[in-house]
């Protein structure tokens, strides 16, 4: 459990899941190929980050599924207004969460199947 929490905290901070030092991203949407500190390759194979889409979609769907009924039934918002807010969130939230979805996917994969770092 301690190893899981360590990797999870590194993922939340957008750091290498192996060493916790190297940054995963060099820009908003572009990742480094390897960790600058330990040499861990971040993309194991083509299509590796397709799993991150599930993290991103799942959290977005959960957020909207909770937000719409709560805002209309409990909050008393007009349905059209609540729908407009939810659609806006459904478009913008995945963009904002993109980096964390990839980081969490990489951390999850590293927890399940750790790879040896390549110092070269």
PDB file of N, CA and C in Angstrom:
ATOM      1  N   UNK A   1       0.819  -1.198   0.000  1.00  0.00           N
ATOM      2  CA  UNK A   1       0.000   0.000   0.000  1.00  0.00           C
ATOM      3  C   UNK A   1       0.863   1.263   0.000  1.00  0.00           C
ATOM      4  N   UNK A   2       1.986   1.191   0.706  1.00  0.00           N
ATOM      5  CA  UNK A   2       2.873   2.350   0.778  1.00  0.00           C
ATOM      6  C   UNK A   2       3.455   2.673  -0.601  1.00  0.00           C
ATOM      7  N   UNK A   3       3.816   1.637  -1.359  1.00  0.00           N
ATOM      8  CA  UNK A   3       4.355   1.841  -2.707  1.00  0.00           C
ATOM      9  C   UNK A   3       3.294   2.473  -3.612  1.00  0.00           C
ATOM     10  N   UNK A   4       2.063   1.998  -3.491  1.00  0.00           N
ATOM     11  CA  UNK A   4       0.965   2.552  -4.279  1.00  0.00           C
ATOM     12  C   UNK A   4       0.789   4.041  -3.992  1.00  0.00           C
ATOM     13  N   UNK A   5       0.768   4.416  -2.722  1.00  0.00           N
ATOM     14  CA  UNK A   5       0.595   5.824  -2.344  1.00  0.00           C
ATOM     15  C   UNK A   5       1.763   6.681  -2.817  1.00  0.00           C
ATOM     16  N   UNK A   6       2.966   6.130  -2.787  1.00  0.00           N
ATOM     17  CA  UNK A   6       4.138   6.858  -3.268  1.00  0.00           C
ATOM     18  C   UNK A   6       4.016   7.136  -4.767  1.00  0.00           C
ATOM     19  N   UNK A   7       3.684   6.110  -5.541  1.00  0.00           N
ATOM     20  CA  UNK A   7       3.532   6.279  -6.991  1.00  0.00           C
ATOM     21  C   UNK A   7       2.363   7.215  -7.289  1.00  0.00           C
ATOM     22  N   UNK A   8       1.270   7.085  -6.558  1.00  0.00           N
ATOM     23  CA  UNK A   8       0.102   7.949  -6.753  1.00  0.00           C
ATOM     24  C   UNK A   8       0.453   9.412  -6.494  1.00  0.00           C
ATOM     25  N   UNK A   9       1.201   9.674  -5.429  1.00  0.00           N
ATOM     26  CA  UNK A   9       1.573  11.065  -5.121  1.00  0.00           C
ATOM     27  C   UNK A   9       2.495  11.633  -6.192  1.00  0.00           C
ATOM     28  N   UNK A  10       3.360  10.809  -6.735  1.00  0.00           N
ATOM     29  CA  UNK A  10       4.224  11.263  -7.834  1.00  0.00           C
ATOM     30  C   UNK A  10       3.397  11.572  -9.074  1.00  0.00           C
ATOM     31  N   UNK A  11       2.404  10.755  -9.348  1.00  0.00           N
ATOM     32  CA  UNK A  11       1.546  10.978 -10.516  1.00  0.00           C
ATOM     33  C   UNK A  11       0.759  12.276 -10.370  1.00  0.00           C
ATOM     34  N   UNK A  12       0.244  12.530  -9.197  1.00  0.00           N
ATOM     35  CA  UNK A  12      -0.526  13.757  -8.960  1.00  0.00           C
ATOM     36  C   UNK A  12       0.360  14.990  -9.130  1.00  0.00           C
ATOM     37  N   UNK A  13       1.644  14.867  -8.788  1.00  0.00           N
ATOM     38  CA  UNK A  13       2.579  15.993  -8.936  1.00  0.00           C
ATOM     39  C   UNK A  13       3.200  16.052 -10.331  1.00  0.00           C
ATOM     40  N   UNK A  14       2.768  15.166 -11.231  1.00  0.00           N
ATOM     41  CA  UNK A  14       3.259  15.090 -12.616  1.00  0.00           C
ATOM     42  C   UNK A  14       4.759  14.814 -12.663  1.00  0.00           C
ATOM     43  N   UNK A  15       5.198  13.883 -11.850  1.00  0.00           N
ATOM     44  CA  UNK A  15       6.611  13.496 -11.774  1.00  0.00           C
ATOM     45  C   UNK A  15       6.780  12.051 -12.207  1.00  0.00           C
ATOM     46  N   UNK A  16       8.009  11.678 -12.476  1.00  0.00           N
ATOM     47  CA  UNK A  16       8.347  10.313 -12.867  1.00  0.00           C
ATOM     48  C   UNK A  16       7.859   9.336 -11.796  1.00  0.00           C
ATOM     49  N   UNK A  17       7.152   8.267 -12.192  1.00  0.00           N
ATOM     50  CA  UNK A  17       6.652   7.328 -11.192  1.00  0.00           C
ATOM     51  C   UNK A  17       7.754   6.494 -10.547  1.00  0.00           C
ATOM     52  N   UNK A  18       8.904   6.435 -11.180  1.00  0.00           N
ATOM     53  CA  UNK A  18       9.999   5.625 -10.654  1.00  0.00           C
ATOM     54  C   UNK A  18      10.849   6.372  -9.634  1.00  0.00           C
ATOM     55  N   UNK A  19      11.329   7.563 -10.008  1.00  0.00           N
ATOM     56  CA  UNK A  19      12.246   8.293  -9.121  1.00  0.00           C
ATOM     57  C   UNK A  19      11.577   9.473  -8.414  1.00  0.00           C
ATOM     58  N   UNK A  20      10.491   9.989  -8.975  1.00  0.00           N
ATOM     59  CA  UNK A  20       9.804  11.123  -8.368  1.00  0.00           C
ATOM     60  C   UNK A  20      10.471  12.461  -8.611  1.00  0.00           C
ATOM     61  N   UNK A  21      11.552  12.488  -9.374  1.00  0.00           N
ATOM     62  CA  UNK A  21      12.297  13.726  -9.601  1.00  0.00           C
ATOM     63  C   UNK A  21      12.019  14.349 -10.967  1.00  0.00           C
ATOM     64  N   UNK A  22      12.074  13.553 -12.017  1.00  0.00           N
ATOM     65  CA  UNK A  22      11.930  14.079 -13.370  1.00  0.00           C
ATOM     66  C   UNK A  22      10.518  14.526 -13.689  1.00  0.00           C
ATOM     67  N   UNK A  23      10.415  15.608 -14.454  1.00  0.00           N
ATOM     68  CA  UNK A  23       9.114  16.115 -14.888  1.00  0.00           C
ATOM     69  C   UNK A  23       8.629  15.300 -16.082  1.00  0.00           C
ATOM     70  N   UNK A  24       7.330  15.047 -16.126  1.00  0.00           N
ATOM     71  CA  UNK A  24       6.758  14.290 -17.238  1.00  0.00           C
ATOM     72  C   UNK A  24       6.545  15.158 -18.474  1.00  0.00           C
ATOM     73  N   UNK A  25       6.184  16.420 -18.278  1.00  0.00           N
ATOM     74  CA  UNK A  25       5.781  17.275 -19.396  1.00  0.00           C
ATOM     75  C   UNK A  25       6.762  18.414 -19.622  1.00  0.00           C
ATOM     76  N   UNK A  26       6.993  18.707 -20.908  1.00  0.00           N
ATOM     77  CA  UNK A  26       7.828  19.862 -21.255  1.00  0.00           C
ATOM     78  C   UNK A  26       6.958  21.029 -21.700  1.00  0.00           C
ATOM     79  N   UNK A  27       5.717  20.764 -22.021  1.00  0.00           N
ATOM     80  CA  UNK A  27       4.735  21.784 -22.389  1.00  0.00           C
ATOM     81  C   UNK A  27       3.372  21.349 -21.889  1.00  0.00           C
ATOM     82  N   UNK A  28       2.332  22.074 -22.300  1.00  0.00           N
ATOM     83  CA  UNK A  28       1.000  21.736 -21.810  1.00  0.00           C
ATOM     84  C   UNK A  28       0.554  20.352 -22.283  1.00  0.00           C
ATOM     85  N   UNK A  29       0.825  20.013 -23.552  1.00  0.00           N
ATOM     86  CA  UNK A  29       0.389  18.731 -24.094  1.00  0.00           C
ATOM     87  C   UNK A  29       1.535  17.814 -24.500  1.00  0.00           C
ATOM     88  N   UNK A  30       2.772  18.268 -24.465  1.00  0.00           N
ATOM     89  CA  UNK A  30       3.886  17.436 -24.926  1.00  0.00           C
ATOM     90  C   UNK A  30       4.678  16.873 -23.746  1.00  0.00           C
ATOM     91  N   UNK A  31       4.963  15.577 -23.852  1.00  0.00           N
ATOM     92  CA  UNK A  31       5.685  14.883 -22.788  1.00  0.00           C
ATOM     93  C   UNK A  31       7.138  14.678 -23.189  1.00  0.00           C
ATOM     94  N   UNK A  32       7.981  14.552 -22.194  1.00  0.00           N
ATOM     95  CA  UNK A  32       9.345  14.113 -22.438  1.00  0.00           C
ATOM     96  C   UNK A  32       9.296  12.638 -22.821  1.00  0.00           C
ATOM     97  N   UNK A  33      10.246  12.204 -23.635  1.00  0.00           N
ATOM     98  CA  UNK A  33      10.298  10.793 -24.012  1.00  0.00           C
ATOM     99  C   UNK A  33      10.782   9.932 -22.850  1.00  0.00           C
ATOM    100  N   UNK A  34      11.726  10.478 -22.072  1.00  0.00           N
ATOM    101  CA  UNK A  34      12.314   9.750 -20.944  1.00  0.00           C
ATOM    102  C   UNK A  34      12.434  10.678 -19.754  1.00  0.00           C
ATOM    103  N   UNK A  35      12.594  10.082 -18.587  1.00  0.00           N
ATOM    104  CA  UNK A  35      12.866  10.861 -17.382  1.00  0.00           C
ATOM    105  C   UNK A  35      14.286  11.412 -17.474  1.00  0.00           C
ATOM    106  N   UNK A  36      14.443  12.695 -17.190  1.00  0.00           N
ATOM    107  CA  UNK A  36      15.764  13.319 -17.248  1.00  0.00           C
ATOM    108  C   UNK A  36      16.655  12.836 -16.109  1.00  0.00           C
ATOM    109  N   UNK A  37      16.066  12.327 -15.048  1.00  0.00           N
ATOM    110  CA  UNK A  37      16.833  11.913 -13.869  1.00  0.00           C
ATOM    111  C   UNK A  37      17.220  10.437 -13.894  1.00  0.00           C
ATOM    112  N   UNK A  38      16.246   9.551 -14.145  1.00  0.00           N
ATOM    113  CA  UNK A  38      16.526   8.111 -14.041  1.00  0.00           C
ATOM    114  C   UNK A  38      16.501   7.382 -15.377  1.00  0.00           C
ATOM    115  N   UNK A  39      16.016   8.019 -16.432  1.00  0.00           N
ATOM    116  CA  UNK A  39      16.024   7.407 -17.751  1.00  0.00           C
ATOM    117  C   UNK A  39      14.828   6.522 -18.061  1.00  0.00           C
ATOM    118  N   UNK A  40      13.828   6.489 -17.198  1.00  0.00           N
ATOM    119  CA  UNK A  40      12.639   5.671 -17.446  1.00  0.00           C
ATOM    120  C   UNK A  40      11.931   6.171 -18.699  1.00  0.00           C
ATOM    121  N   UNK A  41      11.644   5.266 -19.630  1.00  0.00           N
ATOM    122  CA  UNK A  41      10.919   5.613 -20.847  1.00  0.00           C
ATOM    123  C   UNK A  41       9.445   5.783 -20.503  1.00  0.00           C
ATOM    124  N   UNK A  42       8.881   6.921 -20.873  1.00  0.00           N
ATOM    125  CA  UNK A  42       7.504   7.223 -20.503  1.00  0.00           C
ATOM    126  C   UNK A  42       6.473   6.588 -21.429  1.00  0.00           C
ATOM    127  N   UNK A  43       6.809   6.389 -22.689  1.00  0.00           N
ATOM    128  CA  UNK A  43       5.867   5.747 -23.610  1.00  0.00           C
ATOM    129  C   UNK A  43       6.420   4.383 -23.977  1.00  0.00           C
ATOM    130  N   UNK A  44       5.823   3.355 -23.424  1.00  0.00           N
ATOM    131  CA  UNK A  44       6.357   2.002 -23.588  1.00  0.00           C
ATOM    132  C   UNK A  44       6.157   1.451 -24.991  1.00  0.00           C
ATOM    133  N   UNK A  45       5.075   1.829 -25.623  1.00  0.00           N
ATOM    134  CA  UNK A  45       4.763   1.329 -26.963  1.00  0.00           C
ATOM    135  C   UNK A  45       3.790   2.291 -27.625  1.00  0.00           C
ATOM    136  N   UNK A  46       3.648   2.204 -28.952  1.00  0.00           N
ATOM    137  CA  UNK A  46       2.665   3.067 -29.616  1.00  0.00           C
ATOM    138  C   UNK A  46       1.262   2.788 -29.068  1.00  0.00           C
ATOM    139  N   UNK A  47       0.529   3.836 -28.799  1.00  0.00           N
ATOM    140  CA  UNK A  47      -0.819   3.691 -28.265  1.00  0.00           C
ATOM    141  C   UNK A  47      -0.881   3.461 -26.768  1.00  0.00           C
ATOM    142  N   UNK A  48       0.254   3.579 -26.097  1.00  0.00           N
ATOM    143  CA  UNK A  48       0.318   3.316 -24.657  1.00  0.00           C
ATOM    144  C   UNK A  48      -0.664   4.178 -23.869  1.00  0.00           C
ATOM    145  N   UNK A  49      -0.821   5.419 -24.244  1.00  0.00           N
ATOM    146  CA  UNK A  49      -1.649   6.345 -23.474  1.00  0.00           C
ATOM    147  C   UNK A  49      -3.136   6.294 -23.818  1.00  0.00           C
ATOM    148  N   UNK A  50      -3.563   5.308 -24.595  1.00  0.00           N
ATOM    149  CA  UNK A  50      -4.996   5.153 -24.833  1.00  0.00           C
ATOM    150  C   UNK A  50      -5.731   4.869 -23.523  1.00  0.00           C
ATOM    151  N   UNK A  51      -5.061   4.217 -22.591  1.00  0.00           N
ATOM    152  CA  UNK A  51      -5.667   3.958 -21.287  1.00  0.00           C
ATOM    153  C   UNK A  51      -5.964   5.232 -20.522  1.00  0.00           C
ATOM    154  N   UNK A  52      -5.167   6.270 -20.764  1.00  0.00           N
ATOM    155  CA  UNK A  52      -5.397   7.554 -20.094  1.00  0.00           C
ATOM    156  C   UNK A  52      -6.717   8.174 -20.537  1.00  0.00           C
ATOM    157  N   UNK A  53      -7.144   7.841 -21.741  1.00  0.00           N
ATOM    158  CA  UNK A  53      -8.426   8.344 -22.228  1.00  0.00           C
ATOM    159  C   UNK A  53      -9.555   7.830 -21.339  1.00  0.00           C
ATOM    160  N   UNK A  54      -9.431   6.586 -20.874  1.00  0.00           N
ATOM    161  CA  UNK A  54     -10.458   6.024 -19.991  1.00  0.00           C
ATOM    162  C   UNK A  54     -10.504   6.760 -18.659  1.00  0.00           C
ATOM    163  N   UNK A  55      -9.338   7.087 -18.113  1.00  0.00           N
ATOM    164  CA  UNK A  55      -9.295   7.885 -16.882  1.00  0.00           C
ATOM    165  C   UNK A  55      -9.987   9.223 -17.103  1.00  0.00           C
ATOM    166  N   UNK A  56      -9.626   9.872 -18.196  1.00  0.00           N
ATOM    167  CA  UNK A  56     -10.156  11.196 -18.496  1.00  0.00           C
ATOM    168  C   UNK A  56     -11.666  11.138 -18.738  1.00  0.00           C
ATOM    169  N   UNK A  57     -12.085  10.217 -19.574  1.00  0.00           N
ATOM    170  CA  UNK A  57     -13.510  10.079 -19.883  1.00  0.00           C
ATOM    171  C   UNK A  57     -14.307   9.691 -18.640  1.00  0.00           C
ATOM    172  N   UNK A  58     -13.787   8.752 -17.878  1.00  0.00           N
ATOM    173  CA  UNK A  58     -14.491   8.281 -16.689  1.00  0.00           C
ATOM    174  C   UNK A  58     -14.739   9.386 -15.684  1.00  0.00           C
ATOM    175  N   UNK A  59     -13.727  10.178 -15.411  1.00  0.00           N
ATOM    176  CA  UNK A  59     -13.891  11.262 -14.447  1.00  0.00           C
ATOM    177  C   UNK A  59     -14.816  12.354 -14.987  1.00  0.00           C
ATOM    178  N   UNK A  60     -14.703  12.646 -16.275  1.00  0.00           N
ATOM    179  CA  UNK A  60     -15.581  13.649 -16.885  1.00  0.00           C
ATOM    180  C   UNK A  60     -17.034  13.185 -16.839  1.00  0.00           C
ATOM    181  N   UNK A  61     -17.275  11.936 -17.213  1.00  0.00           N
ATOM    182  CA  UNK A  61     -18.639  11.396 -17.195  1.00  0.00           C
ATOM    183  C   UNK A  61     -19.207  11.379 -15.778  1.00  0.00           C
ATOM    184  N   UNK A  62     -18.396  10.990 -14.815  1.00  0.00           N
ATOM    185  CA  UNK A  62     -18.840  10.973 -13.422  1.00  0.00           C
ATOM    186  C   UNK A  62     -19.193  12.383 -12.943  1.00  0.00           C
ATOM    187  N   UNK A  63     -18.349  13.326 -13.280  1.00  0.00           N
ATOM    188  CA  UNK A  63     -18.576  14.718 -12.888  1.00  0.00           C
ATOM    189  C   UNK A  63     -19.892  15.249 -13.458  1.00  0.00           C
ATOM    190  N   UNK A  64     -20.126  15.021 -14.730  1.00  0.00           N
ATOM    191  CA  UNK A  64     -21.342  15.510 -15.383  1.00  0.00           C
ATOM    192  C   UNK A  64     -22.573  14.762 -14.870  1.00  0.00           C
ATOM    193  N   UNK A  65     -22.428  13.450 -14.659  1.00  0.00           N
ATOM    194  CA  UNK A  65     -23.541  12.639 -14.165  1.00  0.00           C
ATOM    195  C   UNK A  65     -23.996  13.092 -12.779  1.00  0.00           C
ATOM    196  N   UNK A  66     -23.074  13.555 -11.980  1.00  0.00           N
ATOM    197  CA  UNK A  66     -23.425  14.060 -10.646  1.00  0.00           C
ATOM    198  C   UNK A  66     -23.884  15.519 -10.719  1.00  0.00           C
ATOM    199  N   UNK A  67     -23.183  16.328 -11.501  1.00  0.00           N
ATOM    200  CA  UNK A  67     -23.453  17.769 -11.531  1.00  0.00           C
ATOM    201  C   UNK A  67     -24.843  18.120 -12.069  1.00  0.00           C
ATOM    202  N   UNK A  68     -25.251  17.496 -13.160  1.00  0.00           N
ATOM    203  CA  UNK A  68     -26.529  17.880 -13.775  1.00  0.00           C
ATOM    204  C   UNK A  68     -27.723  17.637 -12.849  1.00  0.00           C
ATOM    205  N   UNK A  69     -27.904  16.422 -12.331  1.00  0.00           N
ATOM    206  CA  UNK A  69     -29.069  16.230 -11.452  1.00  0.00           C
ATOM    207  C   UNK A  69     -29.001  17.054 -10.164  1.00  0.00           C
ATOM    208  N   UNK A  70     -27.815  17.181  -9.601  1.00  0.00           N
ATOM    209  CA  UNK A  70     -27.694  17.963  -8.365  1.00  0.00           C
ATOM    210  C   UNK A  70     -28.028  19.428  -8.627  1.00  0.00           C
ATOM    211  N   UNK A  71     -27.524  19.968  -9.738  1.00  0.00           N
ATOM    212  CA  UNK A  71     -27.772  21.389 -10.021  1.00  0.00           C
ATOM    213  C   UNK A  71     -29.235  21.662 -10.358  1.00  0.00           C
ATOM    214  N   UNK A  72     -29.919  20.723 -11.000  1.00  0.00           N
ATOM    215  CA  UNK A  72     -31.327  20.960 -11.348  1.00  0.00           C
ATOM    216  C   UNK A  72     -32.274  20.603 -10.210  1.00  0.00           C
ATOM    217  N   UNK A  73     -32.031  19.498  -9.541  1.00  0.00           N
ATOM    218  CA  UNK A  73     -32.951  19.050  -8.492  1.00  0.00           C
ATOM    219  C   UNK A  73     -32.705  19.740  -7.154  1.00  0.00           C
ATOM    220  N   UNK A  74     -31.447  19.848  -6.768  1.00  0.00           N
ATOM    221  CA  UNK A  74     -31.116  20.430  -5.465  1.00  0.00           C
ATOM    222  C   UNK A  74     -30.850  21.932  -5.586  1.00  0.00           C
ATOM    223  N   UNK A  75     -30.106  22.303  -6.618  1.00  0.00           N
ATOM    224  CA  UNK A  75     -29.721  23.708  -6.775  1.00  0.00           C
ATOM    225  C   UNK A  75     -30.803  24.591  -7.364  1.00  0.00           C
ATOM    226  N   UNK A  76     -31.810  23.971  -7.985  1.00  0.00           N
ATOM    227  CA  UNK A  76     -32.901  24.745  -8.554  1.00  0.00           C
ATOM    228  C   UNK A  76     -32.562  25.478  -9.842  1.00  0.00           C
ATOM    229  N   UNK A  77     -31.485  25.083 -10.503  1.00  0.00           N
ATOM    230  CA  UNK A  77     -31.115  25.727 -11.768  1.00  0.00           C
ATOM    231  C   UNK A  77     -32.111  25.338 -12.859  1.00  0.00           C
ATOM    232  N   UNK A  78     -32.277  26.228 -13.817  1.00  0.00           N
ATOM    233  CA  UNK A  78     -33.046  25.930 -15.013  1.00  0.00           C
ATOM    234  C   UNK A  78     -32.335  24.803 -15.767  1.00  0.00           C
ATOM    235  N   UNK A  79     -33.108  23.886 -16.359  1.00  0.00           N
ATOM    236  CA  UNK A  79     -32.493  22.735 -17.042  1.00  0.00           C
ATOM    237  C   UNK A  79     -31.588  23.149 -18.201  1.00  0.00           C
ATOM    238  N   UNK A  80     -32.017  24.128 -18.969  1.00  0.00           N
ATOM    239  CA  UNK A  80     -31.208  24.577 -20.109  1.00  0.00           C
ATOM    240  C   UNK A  80     -29.894  25.201 -19.642  1.00  0.00           C
ATOM    241  N   UNK A  81     -29.963  25.985 -18.592  1.00  0.00           N
ATOM    242  CA  UNK A  81     -28.752  26.601 -18.044  1.00  0.00           C
ATOM    243  C   UNK A  81     -27.803  25.526 -17.510  1.00  0.00           C
ATOM    244  N   UNK A  82     -28.337  24.569 -16.759  1.00  0.00           N
ATOM    245  CA  UNK A  82     -27.521  23.481 -16.208  1.00  0.00           C
ATOM    246  C   UNK A  82     -26.899  22.657 -17.329  1.00  0.00           C
ATOM    247  N   UNK A  83     -27.672  22.410 -18.380  1.00  0.00           N
ATOM    248  CA  UNK A  83     -27.150  21.660 -19.516  1.00  0.00           C
ATOM    249  C   UNK A  83     -26.014  22.423 -20.191  1.00  0.00           C
ATOM    250  N   UNK A  84     -26.174  23.725 -20.362  1.00  0.00           N
ATOM    251  CA  UNK A  84     -25.112  24.545 -20.954  1.00  0.00           C
ATOM    252  C   UNK A  84     -23.836  24.511 -20.130  1.00  0.00           C
ATOM    253  N   UNK A  85     -23.981  24.601 -18.813  1.00  0.00           N
ATOM    254  CA  UNK A  85     -22.817  24.520 -17.923  1.00  0.00           C
ATOM    255  C   UNK A  85     -22.161  23.151 -18.039  1.00  0.00           C
ATOM    256  N   UNK A  86     -22.969  22.098 -18.051  1.00  0.00           N
ATOM    257  CA  UNK A  86     -22.427  20.736 -18.130  1.00  0.00           C
ATOM    258  C   UNK A  86     -21.716  20.474 -19.458  1.00  0.00           C
ATOM    259  N   UNK A  87     -22.277  20.978 -20.545  1.00  0.00           N
ATOM    260  CA  UNK A  87     -21.624  20.814 -21.852  1.00  0.00           C
ATOM    261  C   UNK A  87     -20.294  21.561 -21.866  1.00  0.00           C
ATOM    262  N   UNK A  88     -20.281  22.757 -21.321  1.00  0.00           N
ATOM    263  CA  UNK A  88     -19.034  23.524 -21.242  1.00  0.00           C
ATOM    264  C   UNK A  88     -17.987  22.777 -20.425  1.00  0.00           C
ATOM    265  N   UNK A  89     -18.396  22.237 -19.296  1.00  0.00           N
ATOM    266  CA  UNK A  89     -17.472  21.465 -18.459  1.00  0.00           C
ATOM    267  C   UNK A  89     -17.017  20.206 -19.185  1.00  0.00           C
ATOM    268  N   UNK A  90     -17.946  19.551 -19.905  1.00  0.00           N
ATOM    269  CA  UNK A  90     -17.600  18.325 -20.628  1.00  0.00           C
ATOM    270  C   UNK A  90     -16.571  18.579 -21.727  1.00  0.00           C
ATOM    271  N   UNK A  91     -16.518  19.797 -22.234  1.00  0.00           N
ATOM    272  CA  UNK A  91     -15.527  20.141 -23.258  1.00  0.00           C
ATOM    273  C   UNK A  91     -14.215  20.605 -22.628  1.00  0.00           C
ATOM    274  N   UNK A  92     -14.294  21.437 -21.607  1.00  0.00           N
ATOM    275  CA  UNK A  92     -13.086  22.046 -21.038  1.00  0.00           C
ATOM    276  C   UNK A  92     -12.369  21.163 -20.013  1.00  0.00           C
ATOM    277  N   UNK A  93     -13.116  20.414 -19.220  1.00  0.00           N
ATOM    278  CA  UNK A  93     -12.487  19.606 -18.176  1.00  0.00           C
ATOM    279  C   UNK A  93     -11.493  18.581 -18.729  1.00  0.00           C
ATOM    280  N   UNK A  94     -11.819  17.826 -19.795  1.00  0.00           N
ATOM    281  CA  UNK A  94     -10.835  16.865 -20.313  1.00  0.00           C
ATOM    282  C   UNK A  94      -9.533  17.526 -20.780  1.00  0.00           C
ATOM    283  N   UNK A  95      -9.628  18.746 -21.283  1.00  0.00           N
ATOM    284  CA  UNK A  95      -8.411  19.451 -21.693  1.00  0.00           C
ATOM    285  C   UNK A  95      -7.564  19.822 -20.477  1.00  0.00           C
ATOM    286  N   UNK A  96      -8.229  20.276 -19.427  1.00  0.00           N
ATOM    287  CA  UNK A  96      -7.507  20.658 -18.211  1.00  0.00           C
ATOM    288  C   UNK A  96      -6.951  19.437 -17.483  1.00  0.00           C
ATOM    289  N   UNK A  97      -7.638  18.313 -17.564  1.00  0.00           N
ATOM    290  CA  UNK A  97      -7.256  17.093 -16.849  1.00  0.00           C
ATOM    291  C   UNK A  97      -6.313  16.205 -17.665  1.00  0.00           C
ATOM    292  N   UNK A  98      -6.030  16.563 -18.906  1.00  0.00           N
ATOM    293  CA  UNK A  98      -5.229  15.750 -19.827  1.00  0.00           C
ATOM    294  C   UNK A  98      -3.909  15.291 -19.211  1.00  0.00           C
ATOM    295  N   UNK A  99      -3.157  16.219 -18.660  1.00  0.00           N
ATOM    296  CA  UNK A  99      -1.835  15.900 -18.111  1.00  0.00           C
ATOM    297  C   UNK A  99      -1.943  14.938 -16.932  1.00  0.00           C
ATOM    298  N   UNK A 100      -2.894  15.167 -16.067  1.00  0.00           N
ATOM    299  CA  UNK A 100      -3.042  14.293 -14.907  1.00  0.00           C
ATOM    300  C   UNK A 100      -3.544  12.901 -15.304  1.00  0.00           C
ATOM    301  N   UNK A 101      -4.403  12.836 -16.321  1.00  0.00           N
ATOM    302  CA  UNK A 101      -4.873  11.531 -16.789  1.00  0.00           C
ATOM    303  C   UNK A 101      -3.699  10.704 -17.308  1.00  0.00           C
ATOM    304  N   UNK A 102      -2.825  11.327 -18.073  1.00  0.00           N
ATOM    305  CA  UNK A 102      -1.643  10.612 -18.572  1.00  0.00           C
ATOM    306  C   UNK A 102      -0.708  10.223 -17.436  1.00  0.00           C
ATOM    307  N   UNK A 103      -0.512  11.125 -16.515  1.00  0.00           N
ATOM    308  CA  UNK A 103       0.367  10.860 -15.385  1.00  0.00           C
ATOM    309  C   UNK A 103      -0.173   9.725 -14.520  1.00  0.00           C
ATOM    310  N   UNK A 104      -1.471   9.737 -14.253  1.00  0.00           N
ATOM    311  CA  UNK A 104      -2.077   8.673 -13.451  1.00  0.00           C
ATOM    312  C   UNK A 104      -2.028   7.334 -14.172  1.00  0.00           C
ATOM    313  N   UNK A 105      -2.208   7.353 -15.489  1.00  0.00           N
ATOM    314  CA  UNK A 105      -2.111   6.112 -16.262  1.00  0.00           C
ATOM    315  C   UNK A 105      -0.690   5.557 -16.201  1.00  0.00           C
ATOM    316  N   UNK A 106       0.288   6.419 -16.372  1.00  0.00           N
ATOM    317  CA  UNK A 106       1.685   5.991 -16.294  1.00  0.00           C
ATOM    318  C   UNK A 106       1.999   5.447 -14.901  1.00  0.00           C
ATOM    319  N   UNK A 107       1.521   6.119 -13.867  1.00  0.00           N
ATOM    320  CA  UNK A 107       1.732   5.649 -12.503  1.00  0.00           C
ATOM    321  C   UNK A 107       1.070   4.310 -12.249  1.00  0.00           C
ATOM    322  N   UNK A 108      -0.164   4.149 -12.729  1.00  0.00           N
ATOM    323  CA  UNK A 108      -0.878   2.878 -12.584  1.00  0.00           C
ATOM    324  C   UNK A 108      -0.111   1.760 -13.277  1.00  0.00           C
ATOM    325  N   UNK A 109       0.347   2.027 -14.495  1.00  0.00           N
ATOM    326  CA  UNK A 109       1.093   1.022 -15.243  1.00  0.00           C
ATOM    327  C   UNK A 109       2.407   0.686 -14.547  1.00  0.00           C
ATOM    328  N   UNK A 110       3.067   1.690 -14.019  1.00  0.00           N
ATOM    329  CA  UNK A 110       4.333   1.457 -13.315  1.00  0.00           C
ATOM    330  C   UNK A 110       4.099   0.655 -12.032  1.00  0.00           C
ATOM    331  N   UNK A 111       2.980   0.864 -11.384  1.00  0.00           N
ATOM    332  CA  UNK A 111       2.656   0.101 -10.175  1.00  0.00           C
ATOM    333  C   UNK A 111       2.410  -1.369 -10.516  1.00  0.00           C
ATOM    334  N   UNK A 112       1.666  -1.618 -11.584  1.00  0.00           N
ATOM    335  CA  UNK A 112       1.306  -2.981 -11.971  1.00  0.00           C
ATOM    336  C   UNK A 112       2.471  -3.710 -12.633  1.00  0.00           C
ATOM    337  N   UNK A 113       3.228  -3.006 -13.466  1.00  0.00           N
ATOM    338  CA  UNK A 113       4.302  -3.632 -14.242  1.00  0.00           C
ATOM    339  C   UNK A 113       5.524  -2.719 -14.273  1.00  0.00           C
ATOM    340  N   UNK A 114       6.286  -2.640 -13.168  1.00  0.00           N
ATOM    341  CA  UNK A 114       7.443  -1.733 -13.142  1.00  0.00           C
ATOM    342  C   UNK A 114       8.513  -2.156 -14.147  1.00  0.00           C
ATOM    343  N   UNK A 115       9.101  -1.169 -14.771  1.00  0.00           N
ATOM    344  CA  UNK A 115      10.179  -1.417 -15.736  1.00  0.00           C
ATOM    345  C   UNK A 115      11.496  -0.936 -15.156  1.00  0.00           C
ATOM    346  N   UNK A 116      12.569  -1.495 -15.655  1.00  0.00           N
ATOM    347  CA  UNK A 116      13.906  -1.088 -15.220  1.00  0.00           C
ATOM    348  C   UNK A 116      14.280   0.184 -15.968  1.00  0.00           C
ATOM    349  N   UNK A 117      14.903   1.121 -15.254  1.00  0.00           N
ATOM    350  CA  UNK A 117      15.316   2.372 -15.876  1.00  0.00           C
ATOM    351  C   UNK A 117      16.524   2.141 -16.774  1.00  0.00           C
ATOM    352  N   UNK A 118      16.632   2.984 -17.786  1.00  0.00           N
ATOM    353  CA  UNK A 118      17.762   2.964 -18.700  1.00  0.00           C
ATOM    354  C   UNK A 118      18.525   4.263 -18.506  1.00  0.00           C
ATOM    355  N   UNK A 119      19.706   4.209 -17.882  1.00  0.00           N
ATOM    356  CA  UNK A 119      20.477   5.419 -17.558  1.00  0.00           C
ATOM    357  C   UNK A 119      21.083   6.099 -18.784  1.00  0.00           C
ATOM    358  N   UNK A 120      21.073   5.445 -19.921  1.00  0.00           N
ATOM    359  CA  UNK A 120      21.729   6.031 -21.101  1.00  0.00           C
ATOM    360  C   UNK A 120      20.929   7.130 -21.725  1.00  0.00           C
TER     361      UNK A 120
END
